[in-house]
C-alpha atoms as a PDB file:
ATOM      1  CA  MET A   1     -15.814   2.899  -6.837  1.00  0.00           C
ATOM      2  CA  GLY A   2     -14.319   2.248 -10.216  1.00  0.00           C
ATOM      3  CA  ALA A   3     -11.555   0.071  -9.454  1.00  0.00           C
ATOM      4  CA  GLY A   4     -11.411  -3.222 -10.576  1.00  0.00           C
ATOM      5  CA  GLY A   5     -14.073  -2.673 -13.346  1.00  0.00           C
ATOM      6  CA  THR A   6     -16.792  -2.627 -10.594  1.00  0.00           C
ATOM      7  CA  GLU A   7     -18.320   0.020  -8.951  1.00  0.00           C
ATOM      8  CA  LEU A   8     -18.625  -2.515  -5.618  1.00  0.00           C
ATOM      9  CA  ASN A   9     -14.752  -3.293  -5.755  1.00  0.00           C
ATOM     10  CA  PHE A  10     -11.997  -1.403  -4.724  1.00  0.00           C
ATOM     11  CA  LEU A  11      -8.990  -3.666  -6.671  1.00  0.00           C
ATOM     12  CA  THR A  12      -6.312  -1.470  -8.399  1.00  0.00           C
ATOM     13  CA  THR A  13      -5.051   1.483  -8.836  1.00  0.00           C
ATOM     14  CA  GLU A  14      -4.801   1.683 -12.936  1.00  0.00           C
ATOM     15  CA  ASP A  15      -7.963   2.334 -13.913  1.00  0.00           C
ATOM     16  CA  LEU A  16      -8.598   5.431 -11.463  1.00  0.00           C
ATOM     17  CA  THR A  17      -9.358   8.872 -12.350  1.00  0.00           C
ATOM     18  CA  ARG A  18      -7.608  11.626 -10.937  1.00  0.00           C
ATOM     19  CA  ASN A  19     -11.118  12.623  -9.447  1.00  0.00           C
ATOM     20  CA  ASP A  20     -11.600   9.226  -7.833  1.00  0.00           C
ATOM     21  CA  LEU A  21      -8.145   9.323  -6.031  1.00  0.00           C
ATOM     22  CA  GLU A  22      -8.741  12.936  -4.947  1.00  0.00           C
ATOM     23  CA  GLU A  23     -12.608  12.194  -3.722  1.00  0.00           C
ATOM     24  CA  ILE A  24     -10.733   9.354  -1.529  1.00  0.00           C
ATOM     25  CA  LEU A  25      -7.940  11.727  -0.429  1.00  0.00           C
ATOM     26  CA  ASP A  26     -10.687  14.522   0.401  1.00  0.00           C
ATOM     27  CA  LEU A  27     -12.574  11.898   2.322  1.00  0.00           C
ATOM     28  CA  ALA A  28      -9.542  10.439   4.226  1.00  0.00           C
ATOM     29  CA  ASP A  29      -8.846  13.968   5.676  1.00  0.00           C
ATOM     30  CA  GLU A  30     -11.947  14.315   7.381  1.00  0.00           C
ATOM     31  CA  PHE A  31     -11.450  11.073   8.592  1.00  0.00           C
ATOM     32  CA  THR A  32      -8.440  12.173   9.957  1.00  0.00           C
ATOM     33  CA  ARG A  33      -9.783  14.616  11.995  1.00  0.00           C
ATOM     34  CA  VAL A  34     -12.583  12.134  13.907  1.00  0.00           C
ATOM     35  CA  LEU A  35      -9.413   9.966  14.678  1.00  0.00           C
ATOM     36  CA  SER A  36      -7.874  13.194  16.429  1.00  0.00           C
ATOM     37  CA  ARG A  37     -11.384  13.257  18.628  1.00  0.00           C
ATOM     38  CA  PRO A  38     -11.002  12.059  22.275  1.00  0.00           C
ATOM     39  CA  ILE A  39     -13.735   9.003  21.040  1.00  0.00           C
ATOM     40  CA  PRO A  40     -12.535   8.740  17.568  1.00  0.00           C
ATOM     41  CA  LYS A  41     -15.421   6.815  16.301  1.00  0.00           C
ATOM     42  CA  VAL A  42     -18.463   7.200  14.661  1.00  0.00           C
ATOM     43  CA  PRO A  43     -21.402   5.051  13.572  1.00  0.00           C
ATOM     44  CA  ALA A  44     -21.721   5.722  10.314  1.00  0.00           C
ATOM     45  CA  LEU A  45     -20.837   1.733   9.087  1.00  0.00           C
ATOM     46  CA  GLN A  46     -23.190   0.360  12.262  1.00  0.00           C
ATOM     47  CA  GLY A  47     -24.631  -2.788  11.562  1.00  0.00           C
ATOM     48  CA  LYS A  48     -22.225  -3.711   8.821  1.00  0.00           C
ATOM     49  CA  LEU A  49     -19.860  -6.657   8.724  1.00  0.00           C
ATOM     50  CA  VAL A  50     -16.086  -6.629   7.539  1.00  0.00           C
ATOM     51  CA  ALA A  51     -14.572 -10.020   7.282  1.00  0.00           C
ATOM     52  CA  ASN A  52     -10.358  -9.606   6.578  1.00  0.00           C
ATOM     53  CA  LEU A  53      -9.030 -13.245   4.704  1.00  0.00           C
ATOM     54  CA  PHE A  54      -5.423 -12.187   5.182  1.00  0.00           C
ATOM     55  CA  PHE A  55      -4.057 -15.141   3.399  1.00  0.00           C
ATOM     56  CA  GLU A  56      -0.588 -14.021   3.813  1.00  0.00           C
ATOM     57  CA  SER A  57       1.033 -12.905   6.714  1.00  0.00           C
ATOM     58  CA  SER A  58       0.389  -9.129   7.549  1.00  0.00           C
ATOM     59  CA  THR A  59       0.701  -6.615  10.512  1.00  0.00           C
ATOM     60  CA  ARG A  60       0.389  -3.345   9.484  1.00  0.00           C
ATOM     61  CA  THR A  61      -2.097  -3.803   6.858  1.00  0.00           C
ATOM     62  CA  ARG A  62      -4.735  -6.340   8.620  1.00  0.00           C
ATOM     63  CA  LEU A  63      -4.655  -3.908  11.857  1.00  0.00           C
ATOM     64  CA  SER A  64      -4.855  -0.645  10.034  1.00  0.00           C
ATOM     65  CA  PHE A  65      -8.195  -2.587   8.224  1.00  0.00           C
ATOM     66  CA  GLU A  66      -9.819  -3.904  11.635  1.00  0.00           C
ATOM     67  CA  ARG A  67      -8.658  -0.280  13.573  1.00  0.00           C
ATOM     68  CA  ALA A  68     -10.776   1.559  10.397  1.00  0.00           C
ATOM     69  CA  ALA A  69     -13.539  -0.648  10.527  1.00  0.00           C
ATOM     70  CA  ARG A  70     -14.313  -0.491  14.456  1.00  0.00           C
ATOM     71  CA  ALA A  71     -13.661   3.437  13.976  1.00  0.00           C
ATOM     72  CA  LEU A  72     -16.518   3.563  11.774  1.00  0.00           C
ATOM     73  CA  SER A  73     -18.649   1.236  14.123  1.00  0.00           C
ATOM     74  CA  ALA A  74     -18.310  -1.803  11.673  1.00  0.00           C
ATOM     75  CA  ASP A  75     -18.074  -5.177  12.913  1.00  0.00           C
ATOM     76  CA  VAL A  76     -15.219  -7.204  12.405  1.00  0.00           C
ATOM     77  CA  MET A  77     -14.342 -10.240  11.088  1.00  0.00           C
ATOM     78  CA  SER A  78     -11.005 -11.862  10.894  1.00  0.00           C
ATOM     79  CA  PHE A  79      -9.093 -14.780   9.326  1.00  0.00           C
ATOM     80  CA  SER A  80      -6.024 -16.198   9.287  1.00  0.00           C
ATOM     81  CA  ALA A  81      -4.683 -18.722   6.997  1.00  0.00           C
ATOM     82  CA  SER A  82      -2.760 -20.238   9.477  1.00  0.00           C
ATOM     83  CA  GLY A  83      -4.826 -23.052  11.621  1.00  0.00           C
ATOM     84  CA  SER A  84      -7.901 -23.060   8.914  1.00  0.00           C
ATOM     85  CA  SER A  85      -9.706 -25.447   7.038  1.00  0.00           C
ATOM     86  CA  LEU A  86      -6.774 -24.337   4.343  1.00  0.00           C
ATOM     87  CA  SER A  87      -4.757 -26.848   6.203  1.00  0.00           C
ATOM     88  CA  LYS A  88      -7.399 -30.005   5.859  1.00  0.00           C
ATOM     89  CA  GLY A  89      -7.742 -28.959   1.730  1.00  0.00           C
ATOM     90  CA  GLU A  90     -10.238 -26.250   1.780  1.00  0.00           C
ATOM     91  CA  SER A  91     -10.301 -24.443  -1.421  1.00  0.00           C
ATOM     92  CA  LEU A  92     -10.266 -20.779  -1.539  1.00  0.00           C
ATOM     93  CA  LYS A  93     -13.518 -20.290  -3.196  1.00  0.00           C
ATOM     94  CA  ASP A  94     -15.087 -22.830  -0.480  1.00  0.00           C
ATOM     95  CA  THR A  95     -13.597 -21.033   2.025  1.00  0.00           C
ATOM     96  CA  ALA A  96     -14.847 -17.017   0.782  1.00  0.00           C
ATOM     97  CA  LEU A  97     -18.243 -18.860   0.501  1.00  0.00           C
ATOM     98  CA  THR A  98     -17.996 -19.925   3.522  1.00  0.00           C
ATOM     99  CA  ILE A  99     -17.227 -16.497   5.325  1.00  0.00           C
ATOM    100  CA  GLU A 100     -20.096 -14.726   3.493  1.00  0.00           C
ATOM    101  CA  ALA A 101     -22.643 -17.584   4.464  1.00  0.00           C
ATOM    102  CA  MET A 102     -21.845 -15.855   7.978  1.00  0.00           C
ATOM    103  CA  GLY A 103     -23.218 -12.475   6.647  1.00  0.00           C
ATOM    104  CA  ALA A 104     -19.825 -10.844   5.270  1.00  0.00           C
ATOM    105  CA  ASP A 105     -21.052  -7.920   3.612  1.00  0.00           C
ATOM    106  CA  LEU A 106     -17.163  -6.439   2.210  1.00  0.00           C
ATOM    107  CA  MET A 107     -14.015  -8.914   2.336  1.00  0.00           C
ATOM    108  CA  VAL A 108     -10.532  -7.644   2.501  1.00  0.00           C
ATOM    109  CA  VAL A 109      -8.423  -9.454   1.096  1.00  0.00           C
ATOM    110  CA  ARG A 110      -4.199 -10.434   1.124  1.00  0.00           C
ATOM    111  CA  HIS A 111      -3.272 -13.331  -0.771  1.00  0.00           C
ATOM    112  CA  ARG A 112       0.026 -14.364  -2.204  1.00  0.00           C
ATOM    113  CA  ALA A 113      -1.440 -15.132  -6.348  1.00  0.00           C
ATOM    114  CA  THR A 114      -1.973 -12.831  -7.888  1.00  0.00           C
ATOM    115  CA  GLY A 115      -5.517 -12.035  -9.143  1.00  0.00           C
ATOM    116  CA  ALA A 116      -7.139 -14.262  -5.612  1.00  0.00           C
ATOM    117  CA  PRO A 117      -9.068 -10.538  -5.492  1.00  0.00           C
ATOM    118  CA  TRP A 118     -10.653 -10.803  -8.857  1.00  0.00           C
ATOM    119  CA  ARG A 119     -11.573 -14.312  -7.819  1.00  0.00           C
ATOM    120  CA  ILE A 120     -12.886 -13.429  -4.772  1.00  0.00           C
ATOM    121  CA  ALA A 121     -15.004 -10.961  -6.193  1.00  0.00           C
ATOM    122  CA  GLY A 122     -16.521 -12.814  -9.054  1.00  0.00           C
ATOM    123  CA  TRP A 123     -17.351 -16.027  -6.408  1.00  0.00           C
ATOM    124  CA  THR A 124     -19.423 -14.350  -4.270  1.00  0.00           C
ATOM    125  CA  GLY A 125     -21.818 -11.380  -4.185  1.00  0.00           C
ATOM    126  CA  CYS A 126     -19.570  -9.432  -1.240  1.00  0.00           C
ATOM    127  CA  GLN A 127     -17.576  -6.414  -1.810  1.00  0.00           C
ATOM    128  CA  VAL A 128     -13.813  -7.360  -1.906  1.00  0.00           C
ATOM    129  CA  ILE A 129     -11.014  -4.515  -1.302  1.00  0.00           C
ATOM    130  CA  ASN A 130      -7.344  -6.063  -2.123  1.00  0.00           C
ATOM    131  CA  ALA A 131      -4.952  -5.958   0.057  1.00  0.00           C
ATOM    132  CA  GLY A 132      -2.323  -7.115  -1.383  1.00  0.00           C
ATOM    133  CA  ASP A 133      -2.085  -9.726  -3.909  1.00  0.00           C
ATOM    134  CA  GLY A 134       1.124 -11.266  -4.979  1.00  0.00           C
ATOM    135  CA  ALA A 135       3.801  -8.809  -6.964  1.00  0.00           C
ATOM    136  CA  HIS A 136       0.757  -7.217  -8.058  1.00  0.00           C
ATOM    137  CA  GLN A 137      -1.034  -4.647  -6.383  1.00  0.00           C
ATOM    138  CA  HIS A 138      -1.516  -3.109  -3.365  1.00  0.00           C
ATOM    139  CA  PRO A 139      -4.295  -0.119  -3.368  1.00  0.00           C
ATOM    140  CA  THR A 140      -4.985   1.114  -0.267  1.00  0.00           C
ATOM    141  CA  GLN A 141      -1.228   1.347   0.626  1.00  0.00           C
ATOM    142  CA  ALA A 142      -0.662   3.660  -2.578  1.00  0.00           C
ATOM    143  CA  MET A 143      -3.372   5.670  -1.408  1.00  0.00           C
ATOM    144  CA  LEU A 144      -2.326   6.330   2.066  1.00  0.00           C
ATOM    145  CA  ASP A 145       0.935   7.174   0.646  1.00  0.00           C
ATOM    146  CA  ALA A 146      -0.644   9.717  -2.040  1.00  0.00           C
ATOM    147  CA  LEU A 147      -2.550  11.089   1.630  1.00  0.00           C
ATOM    148  CA  THR A 148       0.885  11.378   3.145  1.00  0.00           C
ATOM    149  CA  LEU A 149       2.647  13.574   0.437  1.00  0.00           C
ATOM    150  CA  ARG A 150      -0.848  15.378  -0.010  1.00  0.00           C
ATOM    151  CA  ARG A 151      -0.376  16.188   4.061  1.00  0.00           C
ATOM    152  CA  ARG A 152       3.368  17.746   3.636  1.00  0.00           C
ATOM    153  CA  PHE A 153       3.219  19.544   0.066  1.00  0.00           C
ATOM    154  CA  GLY A 154      -0.264  20.622  -0.270  1.00  0.00           C
ATOM    155  CA  ASP A 155      -0.502  18.487  -3.563  1.00  0.00           C
ATOM    156  CA  LEU A 156       1.501  16.598  -5.670  1.00  0.00           C
ATOM    157  CA  ASP A 157       1.787  18.599  -8.935  1.00  0.00           C
ATOM    158  CA  GLY A 158       5.193  18.198 -10.250  1.00  0.00           C
ATOM    159  CA  LEU A 159       6.415  16.368  -6.832  1.00  0.00           C
ATOM    160  CA  ARG A 160       9.453  13.339  -7.765  1.00  0.00           C
ATOM    161  CA  VAL A 161       9.336  10.716  -6.367  1.00  0.00           C
ATOM    162  CA  ALA A 162      12.208   8.079  -6.500  1.00  0.00           C
ATOM    163  CA  ILE A 163      11.040   4.505  -5.240  1.00  0.00           C
ATOM    164  CA  VAL A 164      13.835   2.689  -4.737  1.00  0.00           C
ATOM    165  CA  GLY A 165      15.053  -1.165  -4.487  1.00  0.00           C
ATOM    166  CA  ASP A 166      13.476  -4.439  -5.401  1.00  0.00           C
ATOM    167  CA  ILE A 167      10.704  -3.305  -7.818  1.00  0.00           C
ATOM    168  CA  ARG A 168      10.605  -5.634  -9.620  1.00  0.00           C
ATOM    169  CA  HIS A 169       8.780  -8.231  -6.669  1.00  0.00           C
ATOM    170  CA  SER A 170       6.671  -5.186  -5.168  1.00  0.00           C
ATOM    171  CA  ARG A 171       2.926  -4.410  -5.459  1.00  0.00           C
ATOM    172  CA  VAL A 172       3.496  -1.613  -3.619  1.00  0.00           C
ATOM    173  CA  ALA A 173       6.141   0.000  -6.861  1.00  0.00           C
ATOM    174  CA  ARG A 174       3.276  -0.663  -9.066  1.00  0.00           C
ATOM    175  CA  SER A 175       0.233   0.668  -7.261  1.00  0.00           C
ATOM    176  CA  ASN A 176       2.393   3.870  -6.563  1.00  0.00           C
ATOM    177  CA  VAL A 177       3.348   4.223  -9.891  1.00  0.00           C
ATOM    178  CA  PHE A 178      -0.020   4.954 -11.052  1.00  0.00           C
ATOM    179  CA  ALA A 179      -1.875   6.614  -8.237  1.00  0.00           C
ATOM    180  CA  LEU A 180       1.153   9.350  -7.819  1.00  0.00           C
ATOM    181  CA  THR A 181       1.348  10.174 -11.623  1.00  0.00           C
ATOM    182  CA  THR A 182      -2.433  10.175 -12.009  1.00  0.00           C
ATOM    183  CA  LEU A 183      -2.037  12.963  -9.175  1.00  0.00           C
ATOM    184  CA  GLY A 184       0.226  14.683 -10.868  1.00  0.00           C
ATOM    185  CA  ALA A 185       3.700  12.958  -9.589  1.00  0.00           C
ATOM    186  CA  ARG A 186       6.436  12.148 -11.695  1.00  0.00           C
ATOM    187  CA  VAL A 187       8.011   8.832 -10.395  1.00  0.00           C
ATOM    188  CA  VAL A 188      11.773   7.591 -11.069  1.00  0.00           C
ATOM    189  CA  LEU A 189      12.502   3.854 -10.267  1.00  0.00           C
ATOM    190  CA  VAL A 190      15.983   3.399  -8.694  1.00  0.00           C
ATOM    191  CA  ALA A 191      17.161  -0.416  -9.073  1.00  0.00           C
ATOM    192  CA  PRO A 192      19.033  -2.664  -9.870  1.00  0.00           C
ATOM    193  CA  ARG A 193      18.796  -3.973 -13.687  1.00  0.00           C
ATOM    194  CA  THR A 194      18.323  -7.550 -11.486  1.00  0.00           C
ATOM    195  CA  LEU A 195      15.366  -5.518  -9.609  1.00  0.00           C
ATOM    196  CA  GLN A 196      13.896  -3.430 -12.305  1.00  0.00           C
ATOM    197  CA  PRO A 197      10.327  -4.605 -14.010  1.00  0.00           C
ATOM    198  CA  VAL A 198      10.613  -7.320 -16.635  1.00  0.00           C
ATOM    199  CA  ASN A 199       8.559  -5.227 -18.585  1.00  0.00           C
ATOM    200  CA  CYS A 200       7.230  -1.859 -17.682  1.00  0.00           C
ATOM    201  CA  GLU A 201       6.386  -0.052 -21.387  1.00  0.00           C
ATOM    202  CA  GLY A 202       3.556   1.671 -21.047  1.00  0.00           C
ATOM    203  CA  TRP A 203       4.592   2.691 -17.812  1.00  0.00           C
ATOM    204  CA  PRO A 204       4.904   6.477 -16.460  1.00  0.00           C
ATOM    205  CA  VAL A 205       8.114   6.731 -15.449  1.00  0.00           C
ATOM    206  CA  GLU A 206      11.651   7.197 -15.929  1.00  0.00           C
ATOM    207  CA  THR A 207      13.958   4.206 -14.745  1.00  0.00           C
ATOM    208  CA  THR A 208      18.033   4.339 -13.627  1.00  0.00           C
ATOM    209  CA  ASP A 209      20.480   1.899 -11.630  1.00  0.00           C
ATOM    210  CA  ASP A 210      22.379   4.731 -10.256  1.00  0.00           C
ATOM    211  CA  PHE A 211      20.725   6.050  -7.480  1.00  0.00           C
ATOM    212  CA  ASP A 212      23.427   8.988  -6.853  1.00  0.00           C
ATOM    213  CA  ALA A 213      22.449  10.368  -9.965  1.00  0.00           C
ATOM    214  CA  VAL A 214      19.166  11.032  -9.084  1.00  0.00           C
ATOM    215  CA  VAL A 215      19.391  11.605  -5.129  1.00  0.00           C
ATOM    216  CA  GLY A 216      20.298  15.489  -5.179  1.00  0.00           C
ATOM    217  CA  SER A 217      16.858  15.997  -7.185  1.00  0.00           C
ATOM    218  CA  VAL A 218      13.819  14.131  -5.768  1.00  0.00           C
ATOM    219  CA  ASP A 219      11.161  15.940  -3.352  1.00  0.00           C
ATOM    220  CA  ALA A 220      10.557  12.353  -2.360  1.00  0.00           C
ATOM    221  CA  THR A 221      12.459   9.164  -2.121  1.00  0.00           C
ATOM    222  CA  TYR A 222      10.366   5.606  -1.326  1.00  0.00           C
ATOM    223  CA  LEU A 223      12.675   2.794  -0.442  1.00  0.00           C
ATOM    224  CA  LEU A 224      11.462  -0.728  -0.674  1.00  0.00           C
ATOM    225  CA  ARG A 225      12.399  -4.000   1.230  1.00  0.00           C
ATOM    226  CA  ILE A 226      14.602  -6.884  -0.707  1.00  0.00           C
ATOM    227  CA  GLN A 227      11.413  -9.307  -1.595  1.00  0.00           C
ATOM    228  CA  THR A 228      13.707 -12.103   0.056  1.00  0.00           C
ATOM    229  CA  GLU A 229      10.510 -14.554  -0.168  1.00  0.00           C
ATOM    230  CA  ARG A 230       9.501 -13.889  -3.631  1.00  0.00           C
ATOM    231  CA  GLY A 231      13.167 -14.391  -4.386  1.00  0.00           C
ATOM    232  CA  GLY A 232      14.790 -11.010  -4.648  1.00  0.00           C
ATOM    233  CA  ALA A 233      17.830 -11.541  -2.887  1.00  0.00           C
ATOM    234  CA  SER A 234      18.556 -14.118  -5.251  1.00  0.00           C
ATOM    235  CA  VAL A 235      19.410 -11.323  -7.971  1.00  0.00           C
ATOM    236  CA  PHE A 236      22.172  -9.127  -6.830  1.00  0.00           C
ATOM    237  CA  PRO A 237      26.133 -10.080  -5.920  1.00  0.00           C
ATOM    238  CA  SER A 238      26.246  -9.227  -1.990  1.00  0.00           C
ATOM    239  CA  LEU A 239      24.124  -7.352   0.447  1.00  0.00           C
ATOM    240  CA  PRO A 240      26.839  -4.793   1.272  1.00  0.00           C
ATOM    241  CA  GLU A 241      27.229  -4.031  -2.527  1.00  0.00           C
ATOM    242  CA  TYR A 242      23.488  -3.498  -2.582  1.00  0.00           C
ATOM    243  CA  VAL A 243      23.556  -1.114   0.639  1.00  0.00           C
ATOM    244  CA  SER A 244      26.234   1.197  -0.776  1.00  0.00           C
ATOM    245  CA  ARG A 245      24.771   1.202  -4.141  1.00  0.00           C
ATOM    246  CA  TYR A 246      20.874   1.946  -3.313  1.00  0.00           C
ATOM    247  CA  GLY A 247      20.707   1.856   0.881  1.00  0.00           C
ATOM    248  CA  MET A 248      19.293   5.085   2.548  1.00  0.00           C
ATOM    249  CA  THR A 249      22.735   5.415   4.133  1.00  0.00           C
ATOM    250  CA  ARG A 250      23.300   8.845   6.748  1.00  0.00           C
ATOM    251  CA  ASP A 251      25.651   9.944   3.487  1.00  0.00           C
ATOM    252  CA  ARG A 252      23.194   9.930   1.185  1.00  0.00           C
ATOM    253  CA  PHE A 253      20.432  11.390   3.415  1.00  0.00           C
ATOM    254  CA  ALA A 254      22.657  13.782   3.849  1.00  0.00           C
ATOM    255  CA  ARG A 255      23.127  14.580  -0.089  1.00  0.00           C
ATOM    256  CA  LEU A 256      19.220  14.674  -0.302  1.00  0.00           C
ATOM    257  CA  PRO A 257      17.718  18.315  -0.679  1.00  0.00           C
ATOM    258  CA  ASP A 258      16.489  19.823   3.084  1.00  0.00           C
ATOM    259  CA  ASP A 259      13.091  19.410   2.394  1.00  0.00           C
ATOM    260  CA  THR A 260      13.268  16.077   0.535  1.00  0.00           C
ATOM    261  CA  VAL A 261      10.996  13.389   2.712  1.00  0.00           C
ATOM    262  CA  VAL A 262      11.641   9.620   3.253  1.00  0.00           C
ATOM    263  CA  LEU A 263       8.407   6.638   2.987  1.00  0.00           C
ATOM    264  CA  HIS A 264       8.541   3.237   3.526  1.00  0.00           C
ATOM    265  CA  PRO A 265       5.770   1.034   3.486  1.00  0.00           C
ATOM    266  CA  GLY A 266       6.744  -1.894   5.916  1.00  0.00           C
ATOM    267  CA  PRO A 267       8.458  -3.675   7.540  1.00  0.00           C
ATOM    268  CA  MET A 268      12.027  -1.870   7.220  1.00  0.00           C
ATOM    269  CA  ASN A 269      14.942  -3.537   7.343  1.00  0.00           C
ATOM    270  CA  ARG A 270      17.465  -1.436   9.129  1.00  0.00           C
ATOM    271  CA  GLY A 271      20.576  -1.294   8.015  1.00  0.00           C
ATOM    272  CA  VAL A 272      20.315  -2.391   4.564  1.00  0.00           C
ATOM    273  CA  GLU A 273      17.118  -0.235   2.257  1.00  0.00           C
ATOM    274  CA  ILE A 274      17.632   2.642   5.527  1.00  0.00           C
ATOM    275  CA  ASP A 275      20.183   3.191   8.191  1.00  0.00           C
ATOM    276  CA  ASP A 276      19.004   3.557  12.121  1.00  0.00           C
ATOM    277  CA  VAL A 277      19.377   6.752  12.332  1.00  0.00           C
ATOM    278  CA  VAL A 278      17.907   7.906   9.519  1.00  0.00           C
ATOM    279  CA  ALA A 279      14.631   5.344   9.911  1.00  0.00           C
ATOM    280  CA  GLY A 280      14.062   8.074  13.015  1.00  0.00           C
ATOM    281  CA  HIS A 281      14.830  11.529  11.200  1.00  0.00           C
ATOM    282  CA  PRO A 282      11.588  13.982  11.316  1.00  0.00           C
ATOM    283  CA  ARG A 283      12.096  13.908   8.045  1.00  0.00           C
ATOM    284  CA  ALA A 284      11.037   9.812   7.752  1.00  0.00           C
ATOM    285  CA  LEU A 285       7.200  10.019   7.840  1.00  0.00           C
ATOM    286  CA  ILE A 286       6.632   6.106   8.070  1.00  0.00           C
ATOM    287  CA  LEU A 287       4.643   6.229  11.254  1.00  0.00           C
ATOM    288  CA  ASP A 288       2.447   9.409   9.535  1.00  0.00           C
ATOM    289  CA  GLN A 289       2.542   6.342   6.868  1.00  0.00           C
ATOM    290  CA  VAL A 290       0.827   3.997   9.314  1.00  0.00           C
ATOM    291  CA  THR A 291      -1.748   6.649  10.962  1.00  0.00           C
ATOM    292  CA  ASN A 292      -2.708   7.748   8.127  1.00  0.00           C
ATOM    293  CA  GLY A 293      -3.692   4.511   6.658  1.00  0.00           C
ATOM    294  CA  VAL A 294      -6.014   4.046   8.872  1.00  0.00           C
ATOM    295  CA  ALA A 295      -8.183   7.132   7.809  1.00  0.00           C
ATOM    296  CA  VAL A 296      -7.620   6.331   4.352  1.00  0.00           C
ATOM    297  CA  ARG A 297      -9.081   2.832   4.826  1.00  0.00           C
ATOM    298  CA  MET A 298     -11.266   4.270   6.544  1.00  0.00           C
ATOM    299  CA  ALA A 299     -12.304   6.626   3.424  1.00  0.00           C
ATOM    300  CA  ILE A 300     -12.935   3.136   0.824  1.00  0.00           C
ATOM    301  CA  LEU A 301     -14.865   1.350   3.765  1.00  0.00           C
ATOM    302  CA  PHE A 302     -17.412   3.633   3.971  1.00  0.00           C
ATOM    303  CA  ARG A 303     -17.264   4.609   0.193  1.00  0.00           C
ATOM    304  CA  LEU A 304     -17.885   1.052  -0.751  1.00  0.00           C
ATOM    305  CA  LEU A 305     -20.405  -0.021   1.953  1.00  0.00           C
ATOM    306  CA  GLY A 306     -22.186   3.454   1.335  1.00  0.00           C
ATOM    307  CA  GLY A 307     -21.509   5.205   4.534  1.00  0.00           C
ATOM    308  CA  LYS A 308     -23.861   7.738   6.307  1.00  0.00           C
END
């Protein structure tokens, strides 16, 4: 597919062309229609085995890939680190080689270490999809976000998108920056200085620490949770101050333009980055993102595994 320096894997959004992205989105549109059928399934990947290797906790991404693979009639084998032989000292490499020996055609990998999916792609002959590696990349999330915006607005050309919150520790933010700007959007990163990237030189974005300065001029706001597991909570003074300056409160939501939408990759911390009322508003497309995630992952699996 061209992601990650090979046609066989989908590892990052940074080297995808606009044509690459649009082909995936167009195919995902086709699969949204499949998913709306009375029997939402096609035999496109019958006989293929997809292995989900999740070394880090996940609900949405893991279940979404399982749903996508089964909707294409692939067989699915799921691995989770808890209760596995990793607790007995087995290495990541040996775990991957074991899964390959069981007949996996493709591995979906989530790992806390940056670069782990690339290593597994190098160790095995399987195709690999990056389902999130540390604070580095989450390319399928960026694709489902792009599909959600495209289905809402028609295209992304000129769309102004604010990504708000813990940018420094967010693989979602990094993947979205490159996917959305390649598709023609204008991205502004909004965060306290301590939660902005250490170095975003060369990124095609604006940056600011003043959410209120941009809230009235954006077409979409993308809210990120504070990544406490990666140290995000240790670098701002207090939670109430964060909420007052960067949370999508009811007052701040009321100041958005009437057609501006709100997105969130989940899991949400209601009352922190997003108010409970805002999360349930029709212009909050959070459940649309979940639905679109299945179609996008079907498209990527189909492309990589040569579906018919």
